[in-house]
């Protein structure tokens, strides 16, 4: 019944929805149209279109709100050089007017200034409904350490694609671009952050406690996480009734407090991607650590050169095209060449928006094996366990396109294109 011209809940005729709704710019005209639509009388297909239209309106009004906040700052500015004083005064006014805490008001006023004065392209995209507030905040926060010129350069590279990316994908792309635009600064920031690594513990209201470490080297965190996961799954296979999350948490404590002195040897499988020029010390382009995203060139080279380790998959890419030119593994028992090729071409689950590493995903047959009785590389793609189940239980379909991308069709009839590669 999905995608038909009757309401999926009541069977009533579909409410009229303009054909050009997806292309209507946010503003008073779109608001008037949406005000007349009864969402309960729309088809499943049209409910998605109406949802997207409301999201554009929400972004549009958020941009106007930020513009009003920056105008309050200007109202308090008596002298062009009194920026800090004006922002402080405006923040106090905004906090009182909107019933916000001091910290929340400071944050919102700061974002309004960044959008209007530092990153006007982001404000324009928000006003036009091309991005939402979450993405606007990410673009502001993740470029805050850059100069205005470099921040504008990074934003210019990503702004047109921001609406096509999830917040996680956008953050990953921004991290990569920030490393590229100023690799020396990225290296210094990494070293400074690692120098402040620490372990923090604290009580919770329910009587439990939290234990976590901050500012750790990403590749060592990945190695530790994979080892915990492998040990937990070994226990699970032996009949342990605890959940996999409970097992990971208990094993972490067992290893740290001495209850478990070592555990079985060996480590998990990880995937590092870097271009040839970087590995040859001819460039300082960022690498990519599956599950964590961009890492500075020094870390990519360090991981790739760990010849004594038995737990790394690696992919060498062409610096110009980004396409894989060579793959390999340092495992004593390498995985099938077919799986390595799939993972090299698609480092993550290929479902729209998912960033689960392909090395931790299932390999799915786009044409069910029961129908084709063939296992061909071109018919295989990585899907994480969740999206693998969703695909088969809820009727998602996909096919590989000639350029290597994947076209997914949802149960409601909407289509989404995804690449399974880094954005």
Protein backbone atom coordinates (compact mmCIF):
# COMPACT_ATOMS: atom_id res chain seq x y z
CA UNK A 1 0.00 0.00 0.00
CA UNK A 2 3.04 2.29 0.40
CA UNK A 3 3.30 4.97 -2.27
CA UNK A 4 -0.28 4.57 -3.56
CA UNK A 5 -2.90 7.31 -3.81
CA UNK A 6 -4.72 6.36 -0.62
CA UNK A 7 -3.90 7.22 2.95
CA UNK A 8 -1.79 4.43 4.47
CA UNK A 9 -3.66 4.67 7.78
CA UNK A 10 -7.32 5.08 6.87
CA UNK A 11 -7.64 4.26 3.19
CA UNK A 12 -9.09 7.75 2.56
CA UNK A 13 -8.28 9.61 -0.68
CA UNK A 14 -4.96 11.45 -0.67
CA UNK A 15 -5.00 15.11 0.28
CA UNK A 16 -3.84 17.46 -2.48
CA UNK A 17 -0.11 18.25 -2.29
CA UNK A 18 1.47 20.61 -4.88
CA UNK A 19 3.65 18.83 -7.40
CA UNK A 20 6.39 21.45 -7.00
CA UNK A 21 6.43 21.34 -3.19
CA UNK A 22 10.02 20.06 -3.07
CA UNK A 23 11.18 23.05 -5.14
CA UNK A 24 9.24 25.76 -3.32
CA UNK A 25 11.57 28.15 -1.49
CA UNK A 26 10.88 28.71 2.21
CA UNK A 27 8.94 31.85 3.05
CA UNK A 28 5.43 33.12 3.43
CA UNK A 29 4.16 31.37 0.28
CA UNK A 30 5.39 27.94 1.40
CA UNK A 31 4.08 28.56 4.92
CA UNK A 32 0.62 29.26 3.51
CA UNK A 33 0.67 26.07 1.42
CA UNK A 34 1.76 23.93 4.37
CA UNK A 35 -0.90 25.46 6.59
CA UNK A 36 -3.57 24.07 4.26
CA UNK A 37 -2.22 20.51 4.11
CA UNK A 38 -3.72 17.85 6.37
CA UNK A 39 -0.81 15.46 6.86
CA UNK A 40 -3.15 12.65 7.95
CA UNK A 41 -4.82 12.72 4.55
CA UNK A 42 -1.56 12.42 2.57
CA UNK A 43 -0.03 9.32 1.05
CA UNK A 44 3.07 7.89 2.63
CA UNK A 45 5.11 9.24 -0.27
CA UNK A 46 3.73 12.79 0.16
CA UNK A 47 4.22 12.74 3.93
CA UNK A 48 7.97 12.68 3.31
CA UNK A 49 7.67 15.65 0.94
CA UNK A 50 5.65 17.62 3.50
CA UNK A 51 8.16 16.74 6.22
CA UNK A 52 11.04 18.08 4.12
CA UNK A 53 9.10 21.29 3.42
CA UNK A 54 8.54 21.87 7.13
CA UNK A 55 12.25 21.30 7.74
CA UNK A 56 13.08 24.00 5.18
CA UNK A 57 10.71 26.40 6.89
CA UNK A 58 12.20 25.59 10.27
CA UNK A 59 15.69 26.38 8.95
CA UNK A 60 14.45 29.59 7.34
CA UNK A 61 12.95 30.89 10.58
CA UNK A 62 16.03 29.83 12.55
CA UNK A 63 18.16 31.95 10.21
CA UNK A 64 15.84 34.89 10.78
CA UNK A 65 16.07 34.36 14.53
CA UNK A 66 19.87 34.42 14.36
CA UNK A 67 19.69 37.59 12.28
CA UNK A 68 17.53 39.18 14.97
CA UNK A 69 20.06 38.17 17.65
CA UNK A 70 22.93 39.75 15.74
CA UNK A 71 20.78 42.86 15.36
CA UNK A 72 20.42 43.00 19.15
CA UNK A 73 24.22 42.96 19.38
CA UNK A 74 24.38 45.86 16.95
CA UNK A 75 21.84 47.75 19.04
CA UNK A 76 24.19 47.55 22.00
CA UNK A 77 27.30 48.41 20.02
CA UNK A 78 28.17 52.05 20.63
CA UNK A 79 31.73 51.79 19.36
CA UNK A 80 32.97 49.50 16.53
CA UNK A 81 35.82 48.39 18.80
CA UNK A 82 33.51 47.37 21.66
CA UNK A 83 32.58 43.96 20.27
CA UNK A 84 33.03 41.95 23.47
CA UNK A 85 31.07 44.45 25.56
CA UNK A 86 28.21 44.57 23.07
CA UNK A 87 27.99 40.78 22.81
CA UNK A 88 27.95 40.43 26.59
CA UNK A 89 25.18 43.01 26.95
CA UNK A 90 23.18 41.46 24.10
CA UNK A 91 23.56 38.00 25.60
CA UNK A 92 22.10 39.19 28.90
CA UNK A 93 19.16 40.70 27.02
CA UNK A 94 18.58 37.54 24.96
CA UNK A 95 18.77 35.37 28.07
CA UNK A 96 16.06 37.44 29.74
CA UNK A 97 13.87 37.67 26.64
CA UNK A 98 14.00 33.97 25.73
CA UNK A 99 14.28 32.54 29.24
CA UNK A 100 17.69 31.01 28.54
CA UNK A 101 20.54 30.25 30.88
CA UNK A 102 23.55 32.53 30.67
CA UNK A 103 25.60 29.85 28.94
CA UNK A 104 22.87 29.02 26.42
CA UNK A 105 22.40 32.71 25.58
CA UNK A 106 26.15 33.21 25.16
CA UNK A 107 26.25 30.24 22.80
CA UNK A 108 23.29 31.34 20.69
CA UNK A 109 24.51 34.93 20.39
CA UNK A 110 27.97 33.65 19.47
CA UNK A 111 26.53 31.49 16.71
CA UNK A 112 24.50 34.41 15.37
CA UNK A 113 27.65 36.54 15.13
CA UNK A 114 29.59 33.74 13.45
CA UNK A 115 26.85 33.18 10.89
CA UNK A 116 26.29 36.82 10.05
CA UNK A 117 29.86 38.15 10.21
CA UNK A 118 32.26 35.23 9.78
CA UNK A 119 30.44 32.65 7.67
CA UNK A 120 27.70 34.44 5.70
CA UNK A 121 27.44 31.58 3.18
CA UNK A 122 26.32 29.29 5.97
CA UNK A 123 23.70 31.81 7.07
CA UNK A 124 22.42 32.13 3.50
CA UNK A 125 22.16 28.34 3.13
CA UNK A 126 20.22 28.19 6.40
CA UNK A 127 17.92 31.01 5.33
CA UNK A 128 17.24 29.25 2.00
CA UNK A 129 16.42 26.01 3.79
CA UNK A 130 19.33 24.17 2.16
CA UNK A 131 20.76 23.12 5.54
CA UNK A 132 19.26 22.85 9.01
CA UNK A 133 20.44 24.30 12.33
CA UNK A 134 22.39 21.14 13.22
CA UNK A 135 24.50 21.41 10.09
CA UNK A 136 24.92 25.16 10.46
CA UNK A 137 26.21 24.69 14.02
CA UNK A 138 28.62 22.00 12.85
CA UNK A 139 29.98 24.27 10.12
CA UNK A 140 30.49 27.03 12.67
CA UNK A 141 31.97 24.90 15.46
CA UNK A 142 34.26 22.71 13.38
CA UNK A 143 35.92 25.65 11.58
CA UNK A 144 36.20 27.91 14.65
CA UNK A 145 39.95 27.21 15.00
CA UNK A 146 40.68 28.44 11.45
CA UNK A 147 41.25 31.98 10.27
CA UNK A 148 38.29 33.64 8.54
CA UNK A 149 39.94 33.15 5.13
CA UNK A 150 40.61 29.45 5.66
CA UNK A 151 37.25 28.84 7.30
CA UNK A 152 35.57 30.43 4.28
CA UNK A 153 37.66 28.22 1.99
CA UNK A 154 36.62 25.07 3.84
CA UNK A 155 32.96 26.11 3.92
CA UNK A 156 33.09 26.85 0.20
CA UNK A 157 34.25 23.28 -0.44
CA UNK A 158 31.45 21.65 1.51
CA UNK A 159 28.45 23.97 1.58
CA UNK A 160 26.86 22.71 -1.66
CA UNK A 161 27.00 19.10 -0.46
CA UNK A 162 26.09 19.74 3.19
CA UNK A 163 22.39 19.05 2.60
CA UNK A 164 23.26 15.61 1.19
CA UNK A 165 25.33 14.55 4.20
CA UNK A 166 24.35 13.36 7.64
CA UNK A 167 25.77 15.33 10.56
CA UNK A 168 28.38 12.60 11.08
CA UNK A 169 29.42 12.62 7.44
CA UNK A 170 29.61 16.42 7.47
CA UNK A 171 31.85 16.43 10.53
CA UNK A 172 34.13 13.84 8.95
CA UNK A 173 34.41 15.83 5.72
CA UNK A 174 35.10 19.03 7.63
CA UNK A 175 37.84 17.35 9.68
CA UNK A 176 39.45 16.13 6.48
CA UNK A 177 39.23 19.54 4.80
CA UNK A 178 40.61 21.30 7.89
CA UNK A 179 43.61 18.97 7.85
CA UNK A 180 44.11 19.59 4.14
CA UNK A 181 43.85 23.37 4.31
CA UNK A 182 46.36 23.66 7.16
CA UNK A 183 48.21 20.39 7.87
CA UNK A 184 50.73 22.05 10.17
CA UNK A 185 47.98 23.46 12.37
CA UNK A 186 46.21 20.09 12.38
CA UNK A 187 49.38 18.36 13.56
CA UNK A 188 49.94 20.91 16.32
CA UNK A 189 46.32 20.65 17.48
CA UNK A 190 46.55 16.85 17.52
CA UNK A 191 49.76 16.90 19.55
CA UNK A 192 48.37 19.49 21.94
CA UNK A 193 45.18 17.46 22.46
CA UNK A 194 47.02 14.17 23.04
CA UNK A 195 49.22 15.94 25.58
CA UNK A 196 46.06 16.60 27.61
CA UNK A 197 44.85 12.99 27.60
CA UNK A 198 43.35 11.88 30.87
CA UNK A 199 41.02 9.43 32.58
CA UNK A 200 37.89 10.77 34.26
CA UNK A 201 35.58 9.01 36.71
CA UNK A 202 32.39 10.28 38.30
CA UNK A 203 29.24 9.08 40.08
CA UNK A 204 25.75 8.99 38.57
CA UNK A 205 22.46 9.72 40.31
CA UNK A 206 21.39 6.07 40.06
CA UNK A 207 24.39 4.83 42.05
CA UNK A 208 26.48 3.75 39.08
CA UNK A 209 29.62 5.50 37.89
CA UNK A 210 31.19 6.52 34.59
CA UNK A 211 34.78 5.90 33.59
CA UNK A 212 36.13 7.36 30.40
CA UNK A 213 39.37 8.58 28.88
CA UNK A 214 39.71 11.66 26.69
CA UNK A 215 42.06 12.93 23.98
CA UNK A 216 43.54 9.52 23.14
CA UNK A 217 45.26 8.59 19.84
CA UNK A 218 42.48 7.36 17.55
CA UNK A 219 44.36 4.33 16.20
CA UNK A 220 45.07 3.03 19.71
CA UNK A 221 41.46 3.54 20.75
CA UNK A 222 40.37 1.58 17.68
CA UNK A 223 42.77 -1.24 18.58
CA UNK A 224 41.50 -1.34 22.18
CA UNK A 225 37.85 -1.24 21.11
CA UNK A 226 38.35 -4.06 18.62
CA UNK A 227 40.08 -6.21 21.21
CA UNK A 228 37.25 -5.70 23.70
CA UNK A 229 34.76 -6.55 20.98
CA UNK A 230 36.60 -9.72 20.01
CA UNK A 231 36.91 -10.89 23.63
CA UNK A 232 33.23 -10.16 24.25
CA UNK A 233 32.13 -12.10 21.17
CA UNK A 234 34.30 -15.05 22.22
CA UNK A 235 32.47 -15.13 25.57
CA UNK A 236 29.13 -14.84 23.77
CA UNK A 237 29.94 -17.80 21.53
CA UNK A 238 30.75 -19.84 24.64
CA UNK A 239 27.24 -19.27 25.99
CA UNK A 240 27.59 -16.18 28.21
CA UNK A 241 24.08 -14.75 28.76
CA UNK A 242 25.17 -11.13 29.18
CA UNK A 243 24.49 -8.70 26.32
CA UNK A 244 27.39 -7.77 24.08
CA UNK A 245 27.48 -4.27 25.62
CA UNK A 246 27.52 -5.68 29.14
CA UNK A 247 30.32 -8.03 28.18
CA UNK A 248 32.44 -5.23 26.71
CA UNK A 249 31.96 -3.09 29.83
CA UNK A 250 32.70 -5.97 32.24
CA UNK A 251 35.76 -7.05 30.28
CA UNK A 252 37.11 -3.50 30.31
CA UNK A 253 36.89 -3.44 34.11
CA UNK A 254 38.31 -6.98 34.36
CA UNK A 255 41.34 -5.96 32.30
CA UNK A 256 41.90 -2.72 34.22
CA UNK A 257 41.46 -4.01 37.78
CA UNK A 258 43.51 -7.15 37.23
CA UNK A 259 40.64 -9.67 37.33
CA UNK A 260 41.57 -10.65 33.77
CA UNK A 261 45.34 -10.50 33.40
CA UNK A 262 45.56 -10.88 29.65
CA UNK A 263 42.99 -12.76 27.65
CA UNK A 264 43.64 -14.64 24.48
CA UNK A 265 46.28 -13.18 22.16
CA UNK A 266 45.55 -11.43 18.91
CA UNK A 267 43.68 -8.33 17.85
CA UNK A 268 40.78 -7.34 15.64
CA UNK A 269 40.68 -6.15 12.04
CA UNK A 270 41.05 -2.47 11.19
CA UNK A 271 41.13 -0.54 7.95
CA UNK A 272 43.39 2.43 7.19
CA UNK A 273 43.14 4.38 3.91
CA UNK A 274 45.80 6.83 2.65
CA UNK A 275 47.01 8.07 -0.70
CA UNK A 276 50.32 6.95 -2.18
CA UNK A 277 51.94 10.39 -2.00
CA UNK A 278 51.28 10.61 1.75
CA UNK A 279 52.63 7.12 2.45
CA UNK A 280 55.76 8.01 0.46
CA UNK A 281 56.29 11.18 2.56
CA UNK A 282 55.66 13.34 -0.50
CA UNK A 283 52.44 14.88 0.83
CA UNK A 284 50.60 15.41 4.11
CA UNK A 285 47.06 14.56 3.05
CA UNK A 286 44.81 13.11 5.77
CA UNK A 287 44.24 9.38 5.98
CA UNK A 288 41.05 7.69 7.09
CA UNK A 289 40.71 5.24 9.98
CA UNK A 290 37.54 3.18 9.57
CA UNK A 291 35.14 3.95 12.38
CA UNK A 292 36.84 7.21 13.37
CA UNK A 293 37.25 9.18 10.16
CA UNK A 294 40.10 11.48 9.07
CA UNK A 295 43.48 11.28 10.82
CA UNK A 296 46.58 13.37 10.21
CA UNK A 297 49.21 12.09 7.78
CA UNK A 298 51.64 11.12 10.56
CA UNK A 299 49.11 8.72 12.07
CA UNK A 300 48.21 7.22 8.68
CA UNK A 301 51.90 6.53 7.97
CA UNK A 302 52.51 5.20 11.48
CA UNK A 303 49.68 2.71 11.20
CA UNK A 304 50.55 1.64 7.65
CA UNK A 305 54.15 0.90 8.64
CA UNK A 306 53.33 -1.36 11.57
CA UNK A 307 54.60 -4.43 9.77
CA UNK A 308 54.77 -6.48 12.95
CA UNK A 309 51.08 -6.06 13.61
CA UNK A 310 48.63 -8.65 12.31
CA UNK A 311 45.46 -6.62 12.49
CA UNK A 312 45.50 -3.92 9.79
CA UNK A 313 43.81 -3.81 6.40
CA UNK A 314 45.08 -1.04 4.19
CA UNK A 315 44.03 0.69 1.00
CA UNK A 316 46.35 2.89 -1.06
CA UNK A 317 44.51 5.47 -3.16
CA UNK A 318 45.40 7.62 -6.13
CA UNK A 319 46.11 11.18 -4.86
CA UNK A 320 44.22 12.74 -7.78
CA UNK A 321 41.12 10.57 -8.06
CA UNK A 322 40.88 9.08 -4.58
CA UNK A 323 40.19 5.65 -6.11
CA UNK A 324 41.92 2.56 -4.67
CA UNK A 325 44.98 1.41 -6.59
CA UNK A 326 46.20 -1.27 -4.21
CA UNK A 327 44.86 -3.14 -1.18
CA UNK A 328 46.34 -5.56 1.27
CA UNK A 329 46.32 -6.85 4.81
CA UNK A 330 48.88 -7.54 7.49
CA UNK A 331 46.80 -10.41 8.88
CA UNK A 332 48.41 -13.82 9.00
CA UNK A 333 45.20 -15.29 7.63
CA UNK A 334 44.02 -12.74 5.03
CA UNK A 335 40.34 -12.43 4.26
CA UNK A 336 39.05 -13.38 0.84
CA UNK A 337 40.31 -11.13 -1.96
CA UNK A 338 36.74 -10.56 -2.98
CA UNK A 339 35.79 -9.11 0.41
CA UNK A 340 38.93 -6.95 0.45
CA UNK A 341 38.01 -5.45 -2.90
CA UNK A 342 34.47 -4.65 -1.74
CA UNK A 343 35.77 -3.01 1.44
CA UNK A 344 38.37 -1.04 -0.55
CA UNK A 345 35.71 0.32 -2.89
CA UNK A 346 33.18 0.97 -0.11
CA UNK A 347 34.86 1.72 3.25
CA UNK A 348 31.48 2.07 4.99
CA UNK A 349 28.02 0.52 4.94
CA UNK A 350 26.43 1.74 1.72
CA UNK A 351 22.98 2.47 3.19
CA UNK A 352 22.21 6.22 2.97
CA UNK A 353 23.86 8.11 5.80
CA UNK A 354 25.50 5.14 7.54
CA UNK A 355 29.18 5.35 8.53
CA UNK A 356 29.62 1.90 10.07
CA UNK A 357 33.00 0.59 8.80
CA UNK A 358 32.67 -2.00 6.07
CA UNK A 359 35.13 -4.25 7.92
CA UNK A 360 32.50 -4.55 10.67
CA UNK A 361 29.56 -4.98 8.27
CA UNK A 362 27.89 -7.89 6.51
CA UNK A 363 28.48 -8.47 2.82
CA UNK A 364 25.04 -8.37 1.22
CA UNK A 365 23.92 -9.81 -2.11
CA UNK A 366 22.00 -7.10 -3.99
CA UNK A 367 20.44 -9.98 -5.91
CA UNK A 368 19.56 -12.61 -3.28
CA UNK A 369 21.76 -15.69 -3.59
CA UNK A 370 18.65 -17.88 -3.55
CA UNK A 371 17.65 -16.26 -6.85
CA UNK A 372 21.00 -15.99 -8.62
CA UNK A 373 23.03 -18.81 -7.00
CA UNK A 374 26.05 -16.64 -7.82
CA UNK A 375 28.44 -14.60 -5.68
CA UNK A 376 29.88 -11.91 -7.94
CA UNK A 377 31.80 -8.88 -6.70
CA UNK A 378 29.60 -6.51 -8.67
CA UNK A 379 26.52 -7.87 -6.88
CA UNK A 380 27.98 -7.50 -3.37
CA UNK A 381 27.98 -4.51 -1.04
CA UNK A 382 28.69 -3.93 2.67
CA UNK A 383 25.65 -3.37 4.88
CA UNK A 384 25.94 -3.06 8.65
CA UNK A 385 23.95 -5.62 10.61
CA UNK A 386 21.16 -3.10 11.36
CA UNK A 387 20.68 -1.95 7.75
CA UNK A 388 21.11 -5.50 6.47
CA UNK A 389 18.14 -6.48 8.63
CA UNK A 390 16.16 -3.35 7.69
CA UNK A 391 16.68 -4.04 3.99
CA UNK A 392 15.26 -7.55 4.16
CA UNK A 393 12.56 -7.02 6.80
CA UNK A 394 11.13 -3.72 5.55
CA UNK A 395 11.55 -3.89 1.80
CA UNK A 396 14.38 -1.51 0.97
CA UNK A 397 15.91 -2.21 -2.46
CA UNK A 398 19.12 -1.02 -4.06
CA UNK A 399 21.18 -1.42 -7.18
CA UNK A 400 24.70 -0.47 -8.12
CA UNK A 401 25.05 2.34 -10.68
CA UNK A 402 27.67 2.40 -13.47
CA UNK A 403 29.78 4.97 -11.56
CA UNK A 404 29.97 2.73 -8.48
CA UNK A 405 27.29 4.57 -6.47
CA UNK A 406 24.19 2.84 -5.11
CA UNK A 407 20.58 3.82 -5.73
CA UNK A 408 18.30 2.89 -2.82
CA UNK A 409 14.52 2.83 -3.03
CA UNK A 410 12.57 3.11 0.23
CA UNK A 411 9.29 1.29 0.98
CA UNK A 412 7.49 4.62 0.45
CA UNK A 413 8.95 4.99 -3.03
CA UNK A 414 11.59 7.68 -2.41
CA UNK A 415 15.03 7.20 -3.92
CA UNK A 416 18.39 8.03 -2.34
CA UNK A 417 21.83 7.84 -3.92
CA UNK A 418 24.82 6.92 -1.79
CA UNK A 419 28.39 5.99 -2.59
CA UNK A 420 29.67 4.08 0.43
CA UNK A 421 32.82 6.20 0.08
CA UNK A 422 34.04 9.12 2.14
CA UNK A 423 32.06 12.28 1.28
